[in-house]
């Protein structure tokens, strides 16, 4: 085999996180988390005003990230609540994050063939790794991977929310190569986003595979080494 390791993105590659669009999911999450927050802090503005303020601060924090720096949702909420002059003691942030995230978790589905192709790769002795951009806590995603029967196939997982650097930056890919104990030429990376996954893999010298997802834009004309519609097509590419 040409490759020693297969590295995967998570969202829309192995698990679908966008069965509803992110804007809708965010609004649902705020609506779910707001009542408990209002009980603790009666001075909060009504829901629509709170939601607008929350996302104004949210966007400001994300836009303020430097280069490929990343931040986790607990830290984002801590900064937002501090700006709102809210007392963050007694587990306020953890409760808010968990409640806010639940509508996202409730609409997740497994990408067709994800478990099958992972089992095939594991059975032939390939190292399998995950390199995922996410602002959500790592433990949330590990639980989801376990629930869908995927986690057992992975030798390691890397989430940008934990390592504080994100794709397409080269650093997070270098972390994966180090964990797999391989060179870039011995790895292949599979993801659904041109800007983060494909451009990032190319910049790191890793063979790239774009997993088709309807609506994904490629504004910069990034050219993957391979393109697939279904994950089962990876068998021909990786095991040839």
Protein backbone atom coordinates (compact mmCIF):
# COMPACT_ATOMS: atom_id res chain seq x y z
CA UNK A 1 0.00 0.00 0.00
CA UNK A 2 1.16 3.51 -0.80
CA UNK A 3 -0.27 5.01 2.39
CA UNK A 4 0.35 4.20 6.03
CA UNK A 5 -2.35 6.45 7.47
CA UNK A 6 -5.76 7.84 6.55
CA UNK A 7 -6.74 11.08 8.23
CA UNK A 8 -10.34 12.22 8.33
CA UNK A 9 -12.31 15.36 8.96
CA UNK A 10 -15.41 14.77 11.12
CA UNK A 11 -18.35 17.05 10.25
CA UNK A 12 -20.05 16.27 6.89
CA UNK A 13 -17.32 13.69 6.24
CA UNK A 14 -18.13 11.00 8.81
CA UNK A 15 -21.00 12.53 10.80
CA UNK A 16 -23.45 15.06 9.38
CA UNK A 17 -23.75 18.08 11.66
CA UNK A 18 -25.68 20.28 9.22
CA UNK A 19 -28.99 18.55 8.70
CA UNK A 20 -30.26 21.99 9.70
CA UNK A 21 -28.26 25.09 8.85
CA UNK A 22 -26.00 26.56 11.54
CA UNK A 23 -28.01 29.78 11.82
CA UNK A 24 -31.18 27.86 12.61
CA UNK A 25 -29.38 25.58 15.05
CA UNK A 26 -27.87 28.57 16.81
CA UNK A 27 -31.26 30.23 17.24
CA UNK A 28 -32.75 27.01 18.61
CA UNK A 29 -29.80 26.61 20.97
CA UNK A 30 -30.15 30.14 22.34
CA UNK A 31 -33.90 29.65 22.80
CA UNK A 32 -33.25 26.44 24.77
CA UNK A 33 -30.47 27.88 26.94
CA UNK A 34 -32.02 31.28 27.63
CA UNK A 35 -34.75 30.35 30.17
CA UNK A 36 -32.32 28.91 32.76
CA UNK A 37 -29.99 31.86 32.28
CA UNK A 38 -32.90 34.26 32.75
CA UNK A 39 -33.79 32.57 36.04
CA UNK A 40 -30.27 33.15 37.32
CA UNK A 41 -30.07 36.68 35.94
CA UNK A 42 -33.53 38.33 35.89
CA UNK A 43 -32.01 41.55 34.56
CA UNK A 44 -31.27 39.95 31.18
CA UNK A 45 -33.04 41.55 28.19
CA UNK A 46 -35.80 39.61 26.47
CA UNK A 47 -34.79 36.66 24.27
CA UNK A 48 -34.48 38.36 20.89
CA UNK A 49 -32.31 41.17 22.29
CA UNK A 50 -30.18 38.71 24.24
CA UNK A 51 -29.73 36.53 21.16
CA UNK A 52 -28.70 39.48 19.00
CA UNK A 53 -26.21 40.64 21.63
CA UNK A 54 -24.85 37.12 22.13
CA UNK A 55 -24.15 36.61 18.44
CA UNK A 56 -22.72 40.08 17.99
CA UNK A 57 -20.14 39.26 20.67
CA UNK A 58 -19.77 35.71 19.33
CA UNK A 59 -18.89 36.96 15.84
CA UNK A 60 -16.55 39.56 17.26
CA UNK A 61 -14.60 36.88 19.16
CA UNK A 62 -14.33 34.56 16.16
CA UNK A 63 -13.36 37.39 13.84
CA UNK A 64 -10.68 38.40 16.33
CA UNK A 65 -8.82 35.10 16.10
CA UNK A 66 -5.27 35.47 14.80
CA UNK A 67 -4.09 33.43 11.82
CA UNK A 68 -5.20 29.83 12.50
CA UNK A 69 -5.87 30.30 16.21
CA UNK A 70 -8.99 28.61 17.56
CA UNK A 71 -11.09 28.91 20.70
CA UNK A 72 -13.50 26.63 22.56
CA UNK A 73 -17.15 27.44 23.24
CA UNK A 74 -16.71 27.56 27.03
CA UNK A 75 -14.10 30.29 26.58
CA UNK A 76 -16.27 32.12 24.08
CA UNK A 77 -19.21 32.13 26.50
CA UNK A 78 -16.97 33.19 29.37
CA UNK A 79 -15.88 36.21 27.35
CA UNK A 80 -19.45 37.00 26.26
CA UNK A 81 -20.88 36.73 29.78
CA UNK A 82 -18.07 38.86 31.12
CA UNK A 83 -18.98 41.57 28.61
CA UNK A 84 -22.57 41.24 29.83
CA UNK A 85 -21.39 41.56 33.46
CA UNK A 86 -22.83 38.19 34.43
CA UNK A 87 -21.51 36.17 37.37
CA UNK A 88 -19.92 33.02 35.95
CA UNK A 89 -19.78 30.98 39.17
CA UNK A 90 -21.79 27.83 40.00
CA UNK A 91 -21.43 26.13 36.63
CA UNK A 92 -23.29 28.78 34.64
CA UNK A 93 -21.12 28.39 31.54
CA UNK A 94 -21.10 24.57 31.53
CA UNK A 95 -24.89 24.46 31.88
CA UNK A 96 -25.37 27.01 29.11
CA UNK A 97 -23.00 25.26 26.69
CA UNK A 98 -24.58 21.84 27.27
CA UNK A 99 -28.11 23.16 26.74
CA UNK A 100 -27.11 25.29 23.77
CA UNK A 101 -25.47 22.31 22.05
CA UNK A 102 -28.30 19.81 22.55
CA UNK A 103 -30.30 20.81 19.41
CA UNK A 104 -27.14 20.23 17.38
CA UNK A 105 -26.62 16.78 18.87
CA UNK A 106 -30.26 15.84 18.38
CA UNK A 107 -30.11 16.21 14.58
CA UNK A 108 -26.83 14.40 13.88
CA UNK A 109 -26.74 11.48 11.45
CA UNK A 110 -24.02 9.07 10.36
CA UNK A 111 -22.64 9.56 6.86
CA UNK A 112 -23.45 6.47 4.79
CA UNK A 113 -20.64 3.93 4.81
CA UNK A 114 -18.49 5.66 7.43
CA UNK A 115 -18.32 2.68 9.78
CA UNK A 116 -17.78 0.22 6.92
CA UNK A 117 -14.79 2.00 5.37
CA UNK A 118 -13.19 2.62 8.76
CA UNK A 119 -13.44 -1.07 9.60
CA UNK A 120 -11.82 -2.00 6.27
CA UNK A 121 -8.93 0.37 6.84
CA UNK A 122 -8.45 -0.84 10.40
CA UNK A 123 -8.45 -4.47 9.30
CA UNK A 124 -5.57 -3.91 6.87
CA UNK A 125 -3.47 -2.21 9.53
CA UNK A 126 -3.71 1.43 8.47
CA UNK A 127 -3.34 4.12 11.11
CA UNK A 128 -6.56 6.11 11.32
CA UNK A 129 -6.63 9.65 12.64
CA UNK A 130 -9.06 12.53 12.95
CA UNK A 131 -8.25 16.22 12.35
CA UNK A 132 -11.35 18.30 13.01
CA UNK A 133 -12.11 22.01 13.25
CA UNK A 134 -14.62 22.68 16.00
CA UNK A 135 -15.36 25.30 18.63
CA UNK A 136 -17.31 22.70 20.62
CA UNK A 137 -15.81 20.70 23.49
CA UNK A 138 -13.81 17.64 22.46
CA UNK A 139 -15.72 15.44 24.89
CA UNK A 140 -18.97 16.18 23.03
CA UNK A 141 -17.53 14.88 19.78
CA UNK A 142 -15.89 11.83 21.33
CA UNK A 143 -19.25 10.89 22.82
CA UNK A 144 -20.90 11.26 19.40
CA UNK A 145 -18.23 9.16 17.71
CA UNK A 146 -18.75 6.49 20.36
CA UNK A 147 -22.53 6.58 19.91
CA UNK A 148 -22.21 6.10 16.14
CA UNK A 149 -19.69 3.28 16.59
CA UNK A 150 -16.75 5.15 15.05
CA UNK A 151 -14.41 5.94 17.91
CA UNK A 152 -13.06 2.40 18.24
CA UNK A 153 -11.44 2.64 14.80
CA UNK A 154 -9.35 5.72 15.57
CA UNK A 155 -5.77 5.66 16.76
CA UNK A 156 -5.96 9.34 17.65
CA UNK A 157 -8.22 12.37 17.39
CA UNK A 158 -7.26 16.04 17.18
CA UNK A 159 -9.81 18.81 17.68
CA UNK A 160 -8.95 22.45 17.06
CA UNK A 161 -10.92 23.48 20.14
CA UNK A 162 -8.45 21.53 22.28
CA UNK A 163 -5.15 22.26 20.51
CA UNK A 164 -6.12 25.91 19.79
CA UNK A 165 -5.04 25.83 16.15
CA UNK A 166 -7.21 25.01 13.15
CA UNK A 167 -7.20 23.95 9.53
CA UNK A 168 -6.04 25.03 6.98
CA UNK A 169 -3.01 25.91 9.11
CA UNK A 170 -0.13 23.49 8.71
CA UNK A 171 0.47 23.07 12.44
CA UNK A 172 -2.59 20.91 13.12
CA UNK A 173 -1.71 18.59 10.22
CA UNK A 174 1.87 18.34 11.49
CA UNK A 175 0.47 17.28 14.86
CA UNK A 176 -1.39 14.45 13.13
CA UNK A 177 1.67 13.30 11.20
CA UNK A 178 3.67 13.25 14.43
CA UNK A 179 1.02 11.21 16.22
CA UNK A 180 0.91 8.75 13.30
CA UNK A 181 4.73 8.69 13.17
CA UNK A 182 4.73 9.13 9.40
CA UNK A 183 5.78 11.63 6.75
CA UNK A 184 3.31 13.70 4.75
CA UNK A 185 3.78 11.53 1.66
CA UNK A 186 2.59 8.49 3.62
CA UNK A 187 -0.77 10.04 4.53
CA UNK A 188 -4.04 10.82 2.81
CA UNK A 189 -6.62 13.26 4.15
CA UNK A 190 -10.38 13.15 3.56
CA UNK A 191 -12.63 16.17 4.11
CA UNK A 192 -15.58 18.09 2.72
CA UNK A 193 -14.40 21.72 2.85
CA UNK A 194 -12.13 23.13 0.16
CA UNK A 195 -10.89 26.07 2.22
CA UNK A 196 -10.04 24.17 5.41
CA UNK A 197 -9.61 20.50 4.48
CA UNK A 198 -8.33 20.39 0.93
CA UNK A 199 -6.26 23.57 0.98
CA UNK A 200 -4.88 22.58 4.39
CA UNK A 201 -3.88 19.09 3.29
CA UNK A 202 -2.23 20.46 0.16
CA UNK A 203 -0.28 23.02 2.20
CA UNK A 204 0.90 20.24 4.49
CA UNK A 205 2.02 18.06 1.56
CA UNK A 206 -0.66 15.43 2.20
CA UNK A 207 -2.68 13.81 -0.58
CA UNK A 208 -6.18 15.28 -0.45
CA UNK A 209 -9.60 13.72 -1.05
CA UNK A 210 -12.69 15.90 -1.28
CA UNK A 211 -15.82 14.20 0.05
CA UNK A 212 -18.76 15.64 -1.90
CA UNK A 213 -21.34 17.64 -0.02
CA UNK A 214 -24.02 19.62 -1.81
CA UNK A 215 -23.63 23.36 -1.44
CA UNK A 216 -19.95 23.39 -0.57
CA UNK A 217 -18.27 26.27 -2.35
CA UNK A 218 -14.79 26.31 -3.84
CA UNK A 219 -14.24 30.05 -4.36
CA UNK A 220 -10.48 29.83 -4.77
CA UNK A 221 -10.52 26.95 -7.25
CA UNK A 222 -8.68 24.55 -4.95
CA UNK A 223 -7.96 21.29 -6.75
CA UNK A 224 -8.06 18.10 -4.64
CA UNK A 225 -6.01 15.09 -5.66
CA UNK A 226 -9.16 12.97 -5.61
CA UNK A 227 -12.91 13.56 -5.34
CA UNK A 228 -15.49 11.08 -4.09
CA UNK A 229 -19.24 11.04 -3.65
CA UNK A 230 -19.47 8.04 -1.33
CA UNK A 231 -16.95 6.98 1.30
CA UNK A 232 -16.79 3.49 -0.17
CA UNK A 233 -14.86 4.99 -3.11
CA UNK A 234 -11.92 5.49 -0.76
CA UNK A 235 -11.17 1.77 -0.88
CA UNK A 236 -9.98 2.02 -4.48
CA UNK A 237 -7.91 5.13 -3.78
CA UNK A 238 -6.27 3.98 -0.55
CA UNK A 239 -5.92 0.24 -1.02
CA UNK A 240 -4.96 0.09 -4.71
